[in-house]
């Protein structure tokens, strides 16, 4: 059995805010059967998506 797929993405924090997002570092969201962990590091917003 294959391990669950995880996906890591980086987005410039300024771009995320221009798109209307105001993320909190350490925020955990559930979306369409996935978990999203958001964190801010410097000027970047990191998103880790894993199956729920």
N, C-alpha and C. Protein backbone atom coordinates (compact mmCIF):
# COMPACT_ATOMS: atom_id res chain seq x y z
N UNK A 1 0.85 -1.19 0.00
CA UNK A 1 0.00 0.00 0.00
C UNK A 1 0.89 1.24 0.00
N UNK A 2 0.61 2.18 -0.88
CA UNK A 2 1.41 3.40 -0.99
C UNK A 2 1.06 4.36 0.15
N UNK A 3 2.06 5.09 0.63
CA UNK A 3 1.78 6.07 1.68
C UNK A 3 0.92 7.20 1.13
N UNK A 4 0.19 7.90 1.99
CA UNK A 4 -0.65 9.02 1.53
C UNK A 4 0.21 10.07 0.81
N UNK A 5 -0.36 10.67 -0.20
CA UNK A 5 0.33 11.70 -0.95
C UNK A 5 0.29 13.02 -0.19
N UNK A 6 1.42 13.65 -0.09
CA UNK A 6 1.51 14.99 0.50
C UNK A 6 2.04 15.93 -0.57
N UNK A 7 1.57 17.16 -0.54
CA UNK A 7 1.99 18.15 -1.52
C UNK A 7 2.40 19.41 -0.79
N UNK A 8 3.57 19.92 -1.11
CA UNK A 8 4.09 21.13 -0.49
C UNK A 8 4.19 22.22 -1.55
N UNK A 9 3.65 23.38 -1.23
CA UNK A 9 3.69 24.51 -2.17
C UNK A 9 4.09 25.78 -1.43
N UNK A 10 4.70 26.68 -2.19
CA UNK A 10 5.12 27.97 -1.64
C UNK A 10 4.50 29.07 -2.49
N UNK A 11 4.01 30.10 -1.82
CA UNK A 11 3.40 31.23 -2.49
C UNK A 11 3.93 32.49 -1.81
N UNK A 12 4.33 33.48 -2.60
CA UNK A 12 4.73 34.74 -1.95
C UNK A 12 3.59 35.27 -1.09
N UNK A 13 3.89 35.61 0.14
CA UNK A 13 2.87 36.08 1.07
C UNK A 13 2.17 37.31 0.53
N UNK A 14 2.89 38.22 -0.08
CA UNK A 14 2.29 39.43 -0.63
C UNK A 14 1.25 39.07 -1.70
N UNK A 15 1.55 38.09 -2.53
CA UNK A 15 0.59 37.66 -3.57
C UNK A 15 -0.67 37.08 -2.94
N UNK A 16 -0.50 36.27 -1.90
CA UNK A 16 -1.66 35.69 -1.21
C UNK A 16 -2.55 36.80 -0.66
N UNK A 17 -1.94 37.81 -0.09
CA UNK A 17 -2.71 38.93 0.47
C UNK A 17 -3.38 39.74 -0.63
N UNK A 18 -2.73 39.89 -1.78
CA UNK A 18 -3.35 40.59 -2.91
C UNK A 18 -4.57 39.83 -3.41
N UNK A 19 -4.56 38.52 -3.25
CA UNK A 19 -5.69 37.68 -3.66
C UNK A 19 -6.80 37.66 -2.60
N UNK A 20 -6.60 38.39 -1.50
CA UNK A 20 -7.63 38.50 -0.48
C UNK A 20 -7.48 37.54 0.68
N UNK A 21 -6.37 36.80 0.73
CA UNK A 21 -6.14 35.87 1.84
C UNK A 21 -5.41 36.58 2.96
N UNK A 22 -5.78 36.27 4.17
CA UNK A 22 -5.07 36.75 5.36
C UNK A 22 -4.76 35.53 6.23
N UNK A 23 -3.81 34.71 5.80
CA UNK A 23 -3.53 33.47 6.52
C UNK A 23 -2.83 33.72 7.85
N UNK A 24 -3.08 32.80 8.78
CA UNK A 24 -2.38 32.78 10.06
C UNK A 24 -1.35 31.67 10.01
N UNK A 25 -0.18 31.91 10.52
CA UNK A 25 0.85 30.88 10.58
C UNK A 25 0.40 29.79 11.55
N UNK A 26 0.53 28.55 11.12
CA UNK A 26 0.12 27.42 11.94
C UNK A 26 -1.35 27.07 11.77
N UNK A 27 -2.03 27.70 10.85
CA UNK A 27 -3.45 27.46 10.62
C UNK A 27 -3.65 26.10 9.96
N UNK A 28 -4.61 25.34 10.43
CA UNK A 28 -4.96 24.04 9.85
C UNK A 28 -6.38 24.13 9.31
N UNK A 29 -6.54 23.82 8.02
CA UNK A 29 -7.84 23.88 7.37
C UNK A 29 -8.20 22.51 6.81
N UNK A 30 -9.47 22.24 6.66
CA UNK A 30 -9.95 21.02 6.00
C UNK A 30 -10.69 21.46 4.75
N UNK A 31 -10.36 20.81 3.63
CA UNK A 31 -10.94 21.20 2.35
C UNK A 31 -11.02 20.00 1.43
N UNK A 32 -12.21 19.64 1.01
CA UNK A 32 -12.43 18.57 0.03
C UNK A 32 -11.66 17.29 0.35
N UNK A 33 -11.77 16.82 1.59
CA UNK A 33 -11.12 15.57 1.95
C UNK A 33 -9.62 15.68 2.17
N UNK A 34 -9.13 16.90 2.30
CA UNK A 34 -7.70 17.13 2.55
C UNK A 34 -7.53 18.03 3.76
N UNK A 35 -6.35 17.99 4.31
CA UNK A 35 -5.95 18.93 5.36
C UNK A 35 -4.91 19.86 4.75
N UNK A 36 -5.01 21.13 5.07
CA UNK A 36 -4.03 22.12 4.64
C UNK A 36 -3.41 22.74 5.88
N UNK A 37 -2.10 22.65 5.97
CA UNK A 37 -1.37 23.32 7.04
C UNK A 37 -0.68 24.52 6.41
N UNK A 38 -0.96 25.70 6.94
CA UNK A 38 -0.39 26.94 6.43
C UNK A 38 0.61 27.49 7.43
N UNK A 39 1.74 27.94 6.92
CA UNK A 39 2.65 28.66 7.80
C UNK A 39 3.40 29.70 7.01
N UNK A 40 3.79 30.74 7.71
CA UNK A 40 4.48 31.88 7.12
C UNK A 40 5.94 31.83 7.55
N UNK A 41 6.80 31.97 6.57
CA UNK A 41 8.24 31.99 6.83
C UNK A 41 8.83 33.11 5.99
N UNK A 42 9.28 34.17 6.66
CA UNK A 42 9.78 35.32 5.92
C UNK A 42 8.67 35.92 5.07
N UNK A 43 8.92 36.06 3.78
CA UNK A 43 7.92 36.61 2.87
C UNK A 43 7.15 35.56 2.12
N UNK A 44 7.20 34.32 2.60
CA UNK A 44 6.53 33.21 1.90
C UNK A 44 5.43 32.59 2.74
N UNK A 45 4.39 32.16 2.04
CA UNK A 45 3.33 31.36 2.64
C UNK A 45 3.53 29.94 2.14
N UNK A 46 3.70 29.01 3.06
CA UNK A 46 3.88 27.59 2.73
C UNK A 46 2.57 26.86 3.00
N UNK A 47 2.24 25.93 2.11
CA UNK A 47 1.02 25.13 2.24
C UNK A 47 1.41 23.65 2.12
N UNK A 48 1.03 22.89 3.10
CA UNK A 48 1.24 21.43 3.07
C UNK A 48 -0.14 20.79 3.01
N UNK A 49 -0.40 20.05 1.94
CA UNK A 49 -1.70 19.38 1.76
C UNK A 49 -1.53 17.89 1.88
N UNK A 50 -2.35 17.28 2.75
CA UNK A 50 -2.34 15.84 2.95
C UNK A 50 -3.77 15.33 2.92
N UNK A 51 -3.97 14.06 2.62
CA UNK A 51 -5.33 13.51 2.71
C UNK A 51 -5.82 13.57 4.16
N UNK A 52 -7.12 13.75 4.31
CA UNK A 52 -7.71 13.84 5.65
C UNK A 52 -7.75 12.48 6.31
